[in-house]
Amino acid sequence: MKVLSLVTVFLMGTFSVFAKDKTDKLLVNGKCGMCEKRIEGAAMSVKGVSKADWNKDSKELTVTWDDAKADVHKVAMAVAKAGHDTQMHKATDEAYNKLPACCHYDRSSLKAPAKPMMHEHK
């Protein structure tokens, strides 16, 4: 019994040594502050996610998670289930149609908005 406990403690310690936080960005369609709350809430619902911040202008969701408990695909799936298309997973029509009217976005493409070109005239 003691040997089994020691092995369990050792294995748990081994996994925690290799687990670390990862941060990544993914594109997520949305339009407004309500979308932001829903997207961030869906991301935070994934076990292991510690931070989620969606920027409505850039359409980027920055998410931090414990890689022993979660991965970016789980986050993208949770966001898609909430009705928002991501670059990895598209929301079902049913989930999208449940969004409030002000949250309906263009589903034809998902790309970051073009950044204005800054150049200097001489």
Protein backbone atom coordinates (compact mmCIF):
# COMPACT_ATOMS: atom_id res chain seq x y z
CA MET A 1 0.00 0.00 0.00
CA LYS A 2 2.82 2.42 0.88
CA VAL A 3 4.67 1.53 -2.32
CA LEU A 4 1.58 2.32 -4.39
CA SER A 5 1.20 5.68 -2.62
CA LEU A 6 4.84 6.55 -3.25
CA VAL A 7 4.54 5.62 -6.93
CA THR A 8 1.38 7.75 -7.23
CA VAL A 9 3.07 10.74 -5.57
CA PHE A 10 6.12 10.30 -7.81
CA LEU A 11 4.02 10.12 -10.99
CA MET A 12 1.95 13.16 -10.01
CA GLY A 13 5.14 15.07 -9.31
CA THR A 14 6.54 14.04 -12.68
CA PHE A 15 3.47 15.32 -14.53
CA SER A 16 3.50 18.64 -12.69
CA VAL A 17 7.16 19.18 -13.62
CA PHE A 18 6.29 18.95 -17.33
CA ALA A 19 3.04 20.91 -17.17
CA LYS A 20 3.35 24.58 -17.98
CA ASP A 21 1.22 27.50 -19.02
CA LYS A 22 0.96 28.24 -22.72
CA THR A 23 -0.44 31.33 -24.35
CA ASP A 24 -1.70 31.50 -27.89
CA LYS A 25 -3.93 33.63 -30.09
CA LEU A 26 -6.72 32.50 -32.35
CA LEU A 27 -9.12 34.37 -34.56
CA VAL A 28 -12.74 34.39 -33.42
CA ASN A 29 -15.68 36.02 -35.20
CA GLY A 30 -17.84 38.38 -33.18
CA LYS A 31 -19.07 41.97 -33.15
CA CYS A 32 -19.80 43.53 -29.80
CA GLY A 33 -19.30 43.59 -26.05
CA MET A 34 -21.87 40.83 -25.58
CA CYS A 35 -19.82 38.69 -27.97
CA GLU A 36 -16.70 39.48 -25.96
CA LYS A 37 -18.27 38.26 -22.72
CA ARG A 38 -19.61 35.11 -24.38
CA ILE A 39 -16.32 34.27 -26.14
CA GLU A 40 -14.20 34.86 -23.04
CA GLY A 41 -16.69 32.94 -20.87
CA ALA A 42 -16.64 29.96 -23.25
CA ALA A 43 -12.85 29.93 -23.23
CA MET A 44 -12.72 30.20 -19.44
CA SER A 45 -15.15 27.27 -19.13
CA VAL A 46 -12.42 24.92 -20.39
CA LYS A 47 -10.67 23.25 -17.48
CA GLY A 48 -7.09 24.49 -17.26
CA VAL A 49 -7.68 27.89 -18.89
CA SER A 50 -6.50 30.71 -16.64
CA LYS A 51 -6.92 33.76 -18.92
CA ALA A 52 -8.98 34.71 -21.93
CA ASP A 53 -9.13 38.11 -23.61
CA TRP A 54 -10.93 38.76 -26.91
CA ASN A 55 -10.29 41.97 -28.85
CA LYS A 56 -13.27 42.94 -31.00
CA ASP A 57 -11.16 45.10 -33.34
CA SER A 58 -8.49 42.51 -34.15
CA LYS A 59 -10.85 39.50 -33.64
CA GLU A 60 -8.02 37.83 -31.67
CA LEU A 61 -8.64 35.75 -28.59
CA THR A 62 -5.54 35.56 -26.41
CA VAL A 63 -5.82 32.55 -24.15
CA THR A 64 -3.54 31.08 -21.49
CA TRP A 65 -3.92 27.48 -20.30
CA ASP A 66 -2.19 24.71 -18.41
CA ASP A 67 -1.02 22.37 -21.16
CA ALA A 68 -1.49 19.32 -18.93
CA LYS A 69 -5.24 20.07 -18.71
CA ALA A 70 -6.23 21.83 -21.93
CA ASP A 71 -5.18 22.72 -25.43
CA VAL A 72 -6.07 25.35 -27.99
CA HIS A 73 -8.43 22.98 -29.83
CA LYS A 74 -10.54 22.47 -26.71
CA VAL A 75 -10.77 26.24 -26.34
CA ALA A 76 -11.74 26.68 -30.00
CA MET A 77 -14.40 23.97 -29.69
CA ALA A 78 -15.92 25.60 -26.59
CA VAL A 79 -16.05 28.98 -28.34
CA ALA A 80 -17.64 27.42 -31.44
CA LYS A 81 -20.27 25.70 -29.28
CA ALA A 82 -21.12 29.15 -27.92
CA GLY A 83 -21.90 30.28 -31.49
CA HIS A 84 -18.67 31.92 -32.64
CA ASP A 85 -16.62 30.68 -35.58
CA THR A 86 -12.91 30.24 -34.92
CA GLN A 87 -10.06 29.55 -37.30
CA MET A 88 -10.08 25.91 -36.12
CA HIS A 89 -13.76 25.12 -35.56
CA LYS A 90 -16.89 26.60 -37.08
CA ALA A 91 -20.01 27.05 -34.97
CA THR A 92 -23.04 25.04 -35.97
CA ASP A 93 -25.85 26.97 -37.64
CA GLU A 94 -28.02 26.15 -34.62
CA ALA A 95 -25.51 27.68 -32.17
CA TYR A 96 -24.99 30.73 -34.39
CA ASN A 97 -28.75 31.30 -34.79
CA LYS A 98 -29.16 31.35 -31.00
CA LEU A 99 -26.97 34.45 -30.76
CA PRO A 100 -28.78 37.78 -30.25
CA ALA A 101 -29.34 39.69 -33.51
CA CYS A 102 -26.66 42.27 -32.66
CA CYS A 103 -24.11 39.45 -32.42
CA HIS A 104 -24.71 38.04 -35.91
CA TYR A 105 -21.48 38.48 -37.84
CA ASP A 106 -20.45 37.77 -41.43
CA ARG A 107 -19.78 34.03 -41.56
CA SER A 108 -18.39 34.03 -45.11
CA SER A 109 -14.80 34.42 -43.90
CA LEU A 110 -12.70 34.70 -40.81
CA LYS A 111 -9.67 36.88 -41.04
CA ALA A 112 -8.12 39.62 -39.01
CA PRO A 113 -9.08 43.08 -40.19
CA ALA A 114 -6.50 44.73 -42.40
CA LYS A 115 -4.23 47.07 -40.50
CA PRO A 116 -3.81 50.49 -42.07
CA MET A 117 -0.57 50.89 -43.96
CA MET A 118 1.66 53.46 -42.38
CA HIS A 119 4.10 55.09 -44.74
CA GLU A 120 5.94 58.31 -44.83
CA HIS A 121 5.63 60.81 -47.67
CA LYS A 122 8.76 62.78 -48.47
